[in-house]
Amino acid sequence: MKILYLHQYFKTPDMSGGTRSYEMARRLVAAGHEVHMITSWTEDTDHTDWFEKDVEGIKTYWYPTSYNNAMSFSDRVKAFLKFAKAASLKASSFKDADIVFATSTPLTIAIPAISASKFLKVPMVFEVRDLWPEIPIAIGALNNPLLKFLAKRLEKLAYTNSSAVVALSPGMKKGVIKTGYPSDKVAVIPNSSDNREFKYDSHAADSFRASRAWLDNSPLLVYTGTFGKINGVGYMVELAKELKNLNSSIKILLVGDGAEKDTVIAMAKSIGVLEDNLFYESQIPKKDIPALLSAATIASALFIDLPEMRPNSANKFFDALASGTPIFLNYGGWMHELVNKHSCGITAWQMNIKEAAKQLDEKLQDSDWLNKASISARQLAEQEFDRDKLAQQLMTVLELVSEGKFQQVESVAPGKY
């Protein structure tokens, strides 16, 4: 197949951010398919228009578009629309393709995808990574009645113009079919575990710890990712305060960037935990995350407690599983249920912060619990979320759609865990 793959924020392991599209696309290429990736370049560059690179056989087309997590919501929307316009024109320059595959977020990626699908007269598959516009509406970022109407209209158009939909969690699938989209045309293919790349590495762990004098042999709780409003990273500051009150030896490391970073750091400084039992480092490339997780005693995934966030499919969750690192969650949903079912971490949803700190302090000093949770995490990664397995599911979905067998995609990946 010749696949026109649209993802505004395509990242490689040398960059900071999720690499799902890179991992999926390179496996499609390895299987003999031709992949053309239309994406944006958000770093500094001398380029002012489209430029091309070959990324492990993925023919990648980059469009310079300023974007970072500290931008206001309105500025982000402007960046989304700017790219959507440019990507629509770029997609129309292709003479042929067998299928259009577009992945959100943002939802505006549907604009060039629909345009390309109609122009080339080929089917479109839409991948739902977050339930937009439900999330920005829930957190108050999208409150203009007209914009809400337009966003919901675009969501509907994305689905009605798709021959099939890929949802990244069972909850996202429910959100899609709630709009009236047929269930049998929705496959559930979550974010995945890169089990070879993230396998526990004792040498990398020792090196990571040795380079940080504050860490020593202390138990380490890590958070990696975005410091955004929906992430609620301030929770870790409150947790550090309670751990300090318990005289716990646990250290917390926050790694990342985002609009709330300065607020979180100022909060940690004001209550006396910054550089005491809570530490901060800037975001790092994806290729460096395995060493961090090997050094960690437990990894965390955080969100503010909103029903709209519970179907999320956070990369950090699957990275932790792959490294055999127990996971700490503070929200409900399908991941909460997985952790409880497989005993691979601590679920602190609806638990007060004092109790959460107490459980962390107890569990992270229990070598037997840590060993069992680690083994269970790795087994879950291998049995359910291995990248190769899920990439094959995606490949099968695209092949079925290209053959007109839309109603068979649900059976490929029903999303039952």
Protein backbone atom coordinates (compact mmCIF):
# COMPACT_ATOMS: atom_id res chain seq x y z
CA MET A 1 0.00 0.00 0.00
CA LYS A 2 0.93 3.62 -0.48
CA ILE A 3 -0.11 5.28 2.78
CA LEU A 4 -0.55 9.02 3.22
CA TYR A 5 0.00 9.39 6.98
CA LEU A 6 -0.91 12.71 8.62
CA HIS A 7 0.28 13.55 12.13
CA GLN A 8 0.93 17.15 13.12
CA TYR A 9 3.34 16.20 15.92
CA PHE A 10 5.36 13.30 14.53
CA LYS A 11 8.42 12.66 16.77
CA THR A 12 11.49 10.45 16.49
CA PRO A 13 13.38 8.98 19.47
CA ASP A 14 15.89 11.85 19.19
CA MET A 15 13.08 14.25 20.05
CA SER A 16 11.05 14.79 23.20
CA GLY A 17 7.53 13.42 23.00
CA GLY A 18 5.54 10.36 22.01
CA THR A 19 6.89 8.25 19.15
CA ARG A 20 3.82 6.15 18.31
CA SER A 21 3.61 7.33 14.69
CA TYR A 22 7.34 6.80 14.16
CA GLU A 23 7.20 3.27 15.58
CA MET A 24 4.09 2.34 13.63
CA ALA A 25 5.27 3.91 10.37
CA ARG A 26 8.69 2.26 10.39
CA ARG A 27 7.05 -1.12 10.89
CA LEU A 28 4.72 -0.43 7.97
CA VAL A 29 7.78 0.38 5.86
CA ALA A 30 9.55 -2.80 7.03
CA ALA A 31 6.52 -4.79 5.92
CA GLY A 32 6.86 -3.40 2.40
CA HIS A 33 4.41 -0.51 2.49
CA GLU A 34 5.24 2.99 1.23
CA VAL A 35 4.65 5.64 3.90
CA HIS A 36 4.47 9.39 3.31
CA MET A 37 4.34 11.34 6.60
CA ILE A 38 2.94 14.88 6.58
CA THR A 39 3.90 16.67 9.78
CA SER A 40 5.14 19.90 11.34
CA TRP A 41 8.56 21.06 12.51
CA THR A 42 8.23 22.94 15.82
CA GLU A 43 11.91 23.58 16.60
CA ASP A 44 14.08 26.46 15.35
CA THR A 45 14.90 26.15 11.66
CA ASP A 46 16.02 28.18 8.68
CA HIS A 47 13.30 26.56 6.58
CA THR A 48 10.27 28.71 5.80
CA ASP A 49 8.33 26.16 3.77
CA TRP A 50 8.01 22.39 3.40
CA PHE A 51 11.21 20.36 3.52
CA GLU A 52 11.74 16.62 3.20
CA LYS A 53 13.72 13.99 5.11
CA ASP A 54 13.94 10.24 4.95
CA VAL A 55 13.38 8.81 8.43
CA GLU A 56 14.23 5.10 8.32
CA GLY A 57 12.38 4.74 5.02
CA ILE A 58 9.49 6.98 6.06
CA LYS A 59 9.22 9.76 3.48
CA THR A 60 8.68 12.68 5.84
CA TYR A 61 7.47 16.15 4.88
CA TRP A 62 7.96 18.83 7.55
CA TYR A 63 6.22 22.21 7.69
CA PRO A 64 7.69 24.86 10.05
CA THR A 65 5.01 25.71 12.64
CA SER A 66 5.74 27.41 15.95
CA TYR A 67 4.28 25.42 18.82
CA ASN A 68 5.01 24.64 22.47
CA ASN A 69 3.06 23.55 25.52
CA ALA A 70 3.32 27.00 27.12
CA MET A 71 1.26 28.65 24.36
CA SER A 72 -2.24 29.90 25.15
CA PHE A 73 -5.17 27.85 23.91
CA SER A 74 -6.03 30.47 21.29
CA ASP A 75 -2.44 30.50 19.99
CA ARG A 76 -2.50 26.70 19.82
CA VAL A 77 -5.70 26.80 17.77
CA LYS A 78 -4.05 29.27 15.39
CA ALA A 79 -1.10 26.88 15.01
CA PHE A 80 -3.49 23.98 14.40
CA LEU A 81 -5.36 25.86 11.68
CA LYS A 82 -2.16 27.12 10.05
CA PHE A 83 -0.87 23.58 9.73
CA ALA A 84 -4.25 22.24 8.60
CA LYS A 85 -4.29 24.72 5.71
CA ALA A 86 -0.69 23.95 4.69
CA ALA A 87 -1.19 20.20 5.03
CA SER A 88 -4.34 20.31 2.88
CA LEU A 89 -2.38 21.94 0.07
CA LYS A 90 0.52 19.51 0.53
CA ALA A 91 -1.76 16.47 0.46
CA SER A 92 -3.36 17.68 -2.77
CA SER A 93 0.07 17.62 -4.43
CA PHE A 94 0.15 13.81 -4.29
CA LYS A 95 -0.87 12.03 -7.48
CA ASP A 96 -2.03 8.83 -5.83
CA ALA A 97 -2.29 6.81 -2.63
CA ASP A 98 -4.18 3.74 -1.48
CA ILE A 99 -5.30 5.08 1.87
CA VAL A 100 -5.21 8.21 4.05
CA PHE A 101 -4.40 7.64 7.72
CA ALA A 102 -4.71 10.63 10.06
CA THR A 103 -3.98 10.70 13.77
CA SER A 104 -5.06 13.28 16.30
CA THR A 105 -4.47 15.38 18.31
CA PRO A 106 -5.31 18.04 17.26
CA LEU A 107 -8.71 17.33 15.82
CA THR A 108 -7.97 19.80 13.02
CA ILE A 109 -5.81 17.12 11.38
CA ALA A 110 -9.15 15.87 10.04
CA ILE A 111 -9.32 18.88 7.69
CA PRO A 112 -6.36 17.90 5.46
CA ALA A 113 -7.21 14.21 5.87
CA ILE A 114 -10.75 14.62 4.56
CA SER A 115 -9.48 16.87 1.79
CA ALA A 116 -6.84 14.32 0.73
CA SER A 117 -9.28 11.41 0.90
CA LYS A 118 -11.76 13.16 -1.37
CA PHE A 119 -9.11 14.52 -3.75
CA LEU A 120 -7.41 11.14 -4.18
CA LYS A 121 -10.70 9.20 -4.01
CA VAL A 122 -9.33 6.75 -1.44
CA PRO A 123 -10.62 5.67 1.99
CA MET A 124 -9.63 7.45 5.18
CA VAL A 125 -8.90 5.97 8.61
CA PHE A 126 -8.98 8.32 11.58
CA GLU A 127 -7.07 7.61 14.79
CA VAL A 128 -8.45 9.05 18.02
CA ARG A 129 -5.75 9.73 20.61
CA ASP A 130 -7.90 11.93 22.86
CA LEU A 131 -11.60 12.66 23.02
CA TRP A 132 -11.60 16.09 21.44
CA PRO A 133 -13.41 18.43 21.93
CA GLU A 134 -14.66 16.91 25.19
CA ILE A 135 -11.37 17.48 27.04
CA PRO A 136 -10.81 21.21 26.29
CA ILE A 137 -14.50 21.81 27.02
CA ALA A 138 -14.23 19.94 30.35
CA ILE A 139 -11.24 21.98 31.54
CA GLY A 140 -12.73 25.28 30.37
CA ALA A 141 -10.17 25.94 27.64
CA LEU A 142 -12.88 25.79 24.98
CA ASN A 143 -15.87 27.76 26.25
CA ASN A 144 -16.93 29.93 23.32
CA PRO A 145 -20.34 28.58 22.15
CA LEU A 146 -19.53 29.06 18.47
CA LEU A 147 -16.12 27.39 18.77
CA LYS A 148 -17.64 24.50 20.72
CA PHE A 149 -20.24 24.04 17.99
CA LEU A 150 -17.57 24.12 15.27
CA ALA A 151 -15.35 21.69 17.17
CA LYS A 152 -18.17 19.20 17.64
CA ARG A 153 -19.09 19.61 13.99
CA LEU A 154 -15.50 18.85 12.97
CA GLU A 155 -15.48 15.78 15.22
CA LYS A 156 -18.63 14.54 13.50
CA LEU A 157 -17.14 15.22 10.06
CA ALA A 158 -13.97 13.32 10.99
CA TYR A 159 -15.98 10.23 11.84
CA THR A 160 -18.54 10.37 9.03
CA ASN A 161 -15.76 10.71 6.45
CA SER A 162 -13.80 7.78 7.90
CA SER A 163 -14.12 4.25 6.58
CA ALA A 164 -12.82 3.07 9.96
CA VAL A 165 -11.66 4.57 13.24
CA VAL A 166 -8.77 3.53 15.49
CA ALA A 167 -9.35 4.39 19.16
CA LEU A 168 -6.52 4.29 21.68
CA SER A 169 -8.58 2.87 24.54
CA PRO A 170 -11.90 1.11 25.20
CA GLY A 171 -13.25 4.36 26.67
CA MET A 172 -12.34 6.28 23.53
CA LYS A 173 -14.16 3.67 21.47
CA LYS A 174 -17.26 4.28 23.60
CA GLY A 175 -16.89 8.01 22.96
CA VAL A 176 -16.71 7.42 19.20
CA ILE A 177 -19.74 5.11 18.99
CA LYS A 178 -21.67 7.50 21.26
CA THR A 179 -21.70 9.88 18.28
CA GLY A 180 -23.52 7.22 16.24
CA TYR A 181 -20.50 5.73 14.51
CA PRO A 182 -20.79 1.94 13.90
CA SER A 183 -19.02 -0.16 16.53
CA ASP A 184 -17.87 -2.77 14.00
CA LYS A 185 -15.78 -0.13 12.23
CA VAL A 186 -13.82 0.83 15.35
CA ALA A 187 -10.59 -0.94 16.36
CA VAL A 188 -8.95 -0.36 19.76
CA ILE A 189 -5.16 -0.13 19.45
CA PRO A 190 -3.67 1.56 22.55
CA ASN A 191 -0.29 3.19 22.91
CA SER A 192 2.25 0.43 23.09
CA SER A 193 5.19 -0.98 25.02
CA ASP A 194 8.57 -0.98 23.28
CA ASN A 195 9.74 -4.06 25.09
CA ARG A 196 13.19 -4.36 23.52
CA GLU A 197 14.15 -0.71 23.89
CA PHE A 198 12.79 -0.32 27.43
CA LYS A 199 14.00 -3.58 28.93
CA TYR A 200 15.51 -3.02 32.37
CA ASP A 201 19.20 -2.12 32.18
CA SER A 202 21.12 -2.27 35.47
CA HIS A 203 24.17 -0.48 34.03
CA ALA A 204 22.03 2.40 32.74
CA ALA A 205 20.27 2.56 36.12
CA ASP A 206 23.57 2.70 38.03
CA SER A 207 24.93 5.38 35.71
CA PHE A 208 21.79 7.49 36.05
CA ARG A 209 21.88 7.31 39.83
CA ALA A 210 25.64 7.88 40.08
CA SER A 211 25.33 11.16 38.14
CA ARG A 212 22.88 12.56 40.72
CA ALA A 213 24.42 12.99 44.14
CA TRP A 214 21.04 13.75 45.72
CA LEU A 215 19.66 10.36 44.77
CA ASP A 216 22.10 7.87 46.29
CA ASN A 217 20.23 4.60 46.90
CA SER A 218 16.92 6.26 47.79
CA PRO A 219 13.66 4.92 46.35
CA LEU A 220 12.77 7.05 43.33
CA LEU A 221 9.32 8.08 42.08
CA VAL A 222 9.43 9.71 38.64
CA TYR A 223 7.05 11.74 36.52
CA THR A 224 7.94 12.34 32.88
CA GLY A 225 5.88 14.38 30.46
CA THR A 226 3.84 17.51 30.07
CA PHE A 227 3.26 20.05 32.84
CA GLY A 228 -0.20 21.02 31.60
CA LYS A 229 -3.43 21.94 33.34
CA ILE A 230 -4.94 18.50 32.72
CA ASN A 231 -1.86 16.73 34.12
CA GLY A 232 -2.10 18.31 37.56
CA VAL A 233 1.60 17.85 38.34
CA GLY A 234 1.14 19.98 41.47
CA TYR A 235 -0.16 16.73 42.98
CA MET A 236 3.46 15.57 43.20
CA VAL A 237 4.41 18.62 45.24
CA GLU A 238 1.66 17.87 47.75
CA LEU A 239 2.82 14.25 47.79
CA ALA A 240 6.41 15.33 48.45
CA LYS A 241 5.19 17.40 51.39
CA GLU A 242 3.39 14.43 52.94
CA LEU A 243 6.35 12.11 52.34
CA LYS A 244 8.59 14.63 54.07
CA ASN A 245 6.21 14.69 57.04
CA LEU A 246 6.58 10.91 57.21
CA ASN A 247 10.39 11.22 57.17
CA SER A 248 10.30 8.99 54.10
CA SER A 249 13.51 8.34 52.14
CA ILE A 250 11.60 8.51 48.83
CA LYS A 251 12.82 11.07 46.31
CA ILE A 252 10.61 12.46 43.53
CA LEU A 253 11.95 13.50 40.13
CA LEU A 254 9.86 15.54 37.71
CA VAL A 255 11.06 15.60 34.10
CA GLY A 256 9.35 17.66 31.41
CA ASP A 257 8.00 21.04 30.41
CA GLY A 258 4.73 22.83 29.85
CA ALA A 259 2.54 25.77 30.74
CA GLU A 260 2.34 24.83 34.44
CA LYS A 261 6.05 24.13 34.96
CA ASP A 262 6.97 27.43 36.60
CA THR A 263 3.90 27.27 38.84
CA VAL A 264 4.75 23.75 39.99
CA ILE A 265 8.38 24.65 40.71
CA ALA A 266 7.37 27.81 42.59
CA MET A 267 4.89 25.77 44.63
CA ALA A 268 7.57 23.20 45.51
CA LYS A 269 9.96 25.95 46.54
CA SER A 270 7.39 27.73 48.68
CA ILE A 271 6.57 24.65 50.79
CA GLY A 272 10.19 23.60 51.17
CA VAL A 273 10.41 20.39 49.14
CA LEU A 274 12.31 21.59 46.04
CA GLU A 275 15.86 20.22 46.06
CA ASP A 276 14.98 18.42 49.32
CA ASN A 277 12.91 15.40 48.34
CA LEU A 278 11.57 16.75 45.04
CA PHE A 279 13.79 17.54 42.05
CA TYR A 280 13.22 18.86 38.54
CA GLU A 281 14.98 18.30 35.21
CA SER A 282 14.15 19.57 31.72
CA GLN A 283 12.45 17.35 29.16
CA ILE A 284 14.68 14.74 27.56
CA PRO A 285 14.61 12.82 24.25
CA LYS A 286 12.53 9.66 24.16
CA LYS A 287 15.68 7.58 23.64
CA ASP A 288 16.90 8.59 27.13
CA ILE A 289 13.71 7.56 28.95
CA PRO A 290 14.68 3.85 29.28
CA ALA A 291 17.66 4.74 31.50
CA LEU A 292 15.47 6.97 33.65
CA LEU A 293 12.89 4.23 34.11
CA SER A 294 15.56 1.63 34.86
CA ALA A 295 16.76 3.89 37.67
CA ALA A 296 13.24 4.50 38.98
CA THR A 297 11.62 2.47 41.74
CA ILE A 298 8.14 3.46 40.57
CA ALA A 299 6.83 5.62 37.73
CA SER A 300 3.74 7.79 37.73
CA ALA A 301 0.96 8.82 35.38
CA LEU A 302 -1.09 11.80 36.53
CA PHE A 303 -4.28 13.59 35.54
CA ILE A 304 -6.77 15.83 37.25
CA ASP A 305 -9.88 13.88 38.18
CA LEU A 306 -12.19 14.41 35.21
CA PRO A 307 -14.31 11.65 33.62
CA GLU A 308 -13.16 12.86 30.19
CA MET A 309 -9.53 12.04 31.07
CA ARG A 310 -10.10 8.48 32.25
CA PRO A 311 -10.04 6.90 28.75
CA ASN A 312 -6.55 8.34 28.09
CA SER A 313 -3.76 6.17 26.71
CA ALA A 314 -0.65 7.84 28.16
CA ASN A 315 2.68 6.78 26.65
CA LYS A 316 4.34 6.91 30.05
CA PHE A 317 2.10 4.13 31.32
CA PHE A 318 3.21 1.69 28.60
CA ASP A 319 6.86 2.76 28.87
CA ALA A 320 6.78 1.93 32.57
CA LEU A 321 5.25 -1.49 31.88
CA ALA A 322 7.94 -2.23 29.28
CA SER A 323 10.72 -1.41 31.73
CA GLY A 324 9.14 -3.54 34.45
CA THR A 325 8.67 -0.45 36.60
CA PRO A 326 5.64 -0.49 38.92
CA ILE A 327 3.25 2.37 38.22
CA PHE A 328 1.52 4.92 40.43
CA LEU A 329 -1.80 6.33 39.16
CA ASN A 330 -3.99 9.05 40.69
CA TYR A 331 -6.97 8.76 38.30
CA GLY A 332 -9.67 6.25 37.46
CA GLY A 333 -10.54 4.48 34.24
CA TRP A 334 -9.28 1.48 32.32
CA MET A 335 -5.63 1.92 33.41
CA HIS A 336 -6.71 2.03 37.06
CA GLU A 337 -8.55 -1.24 36.46
CA LEU A 338 -5.53 -2.80 34.72
CA VAL A 339 -3.17 -1.92 37.59
CA ASN A 340 -5.56 -3.34 40.16
CA LYS A 341 -6.26 -6.49 38.12
CA HIS A 342 -2.58 -7.22 37.48
CA SER A 343 -1.16 -5.91 40.78
CA CYS A 344 1.53 -3.96 38.97
CA GLY A 345 1.45 -0.73 40.94
CA ILE A 346 -0.47 1.60 43.24
CA THR A 347 -3.83 3.15 42.41
CA ALA A 348 -4.48 6.33 44.40
CA TRP A 349 -7.70 7.41 42.70
CA GLN A 350 -10.10 8.95 45.23
CA MET A 351 -7.48 8.39 47.95
CA ASN A 352 -6.51 11.33 50.12
CA ILE A 353 -2.94 12.55 49.74
CA LYS A 354 -1.87 11.44 53.22
CA GLU A 355 -2.96 7.85 52.54
CA ALA A 356 -1.30 7.89 49.11
CA ALA A 357 2.00 8.99 50.69
CA LYS A 358 1.68 6.33 53.37
CA GLN A 359 1.10 3.59 50.79
CA LEU A 360 4.06 4.74 48.70
CA ASP A 361 6.33 4.81 51.74
CA GLU A 362 5.29 1.29 52.73
CA LYS A 363 5.33 -0.31 49.28
CA LEU A 364 8.63 1.19 48.13
CA GLN A 365 10.37 -0.31 51.16
CA ASP A 366 8.82 -3.75 50.52
CA SER A 367 11.25 -5.61 48.25
CA ASP A 368 8.88 -8.55 47.82
CA TRP A 369 6.03 -6.28 46.65
CA LEU A 370 8.35 -4.36 44.32
CA ASN A 371 9.64 -7.56 42.73
CA LYS A 372 6.15 -8.99 42.15
CA ALA A 373 4.80 -5.68 40.80
CA SER A 374 7.78 -5.36 38.47
CA ILE A 375 7.32 -8.86 37.05
CA SER A 376 3.60 -8.28 36.60
CA ALA A 377 4.18 -4.97 34.80
CA ARG A 378 6.58 -6.55 32.32
CA GLN A 379 4.25 -9.52 31.73
CA LEU A 380 1.38 -7.14 30.95
CA ALA A 381 3.60 -5.27 28.49
CA GLU A 382 4.59 -8.47 26.72
CA GLN A 383 1.20 -10.16 26.68
CA GLU A 384 -1.12 -7.27 25.78
CA PHE A 385 0.74 -4.17 24.65
CA ASP A 386 3.83 -5.25 22.73
CA ARG A 387 4.52 -2.71 19.96
CA ASP A 388 5.07 -5.36 17.28
CA LYS A 389 1.73 -7.00 18.08
CA LEU A 390 -0.21 -3.72 18.04
CA ALA A 391 1.56 -2.46 14.90
CA GLN A 392 0.45 -5.65 13.15
CA GLN A 393 -3.11 -4.93 14.23
CA LEU A 394 -2.90 -1.45 12.76
CA MET A 395 -1.44 -2.82 9.54
CA THR A 396 -4.27 -5.33 9.28
CA VAL A 397 -6.86 -2.59 9.84
CA LEU A 398 -5.37 -0.44 7.06
CA GLU A 399 -5.17 -3.41 4.70
CA LEU A 400 -8.80 -4.38 5.37
CA VAL A 401 -9.98 -0.82 4.76
CA SER A 402 -7.99 -0.57 1.52
CA GLU A 403 -9.78 -3.77 0.42
CA GLY A 404 -13.19 -2.36 1.34
CA LYS A 405 -13.69 -4.70 4.33
CA PHE A 406 -14.60 -1.93 6.77
CA GLN A 407 -16.85 -4.02 9.01
CA GLN A 408 -14.08 -6.43 9.95
CA VAL A 409 -11.80 -3.99 11.78
CA GLU A 410 -13.43 -4.39 15.21
CA SER A 411 -12.63 -8.10 15.24
CA VAL A 412 -8.92 -7.32 14.68
CA ALA A 413 -8.65 -5.29 17.90
CA PRO A 414 -11.80 -5.36 20.05
CA GLY A 415 -10.10 -3.73 23.05
CA LYS A 416 -10.81 -6.34 25.71
CA TYR A 417 -8.11 -6.65 28.37
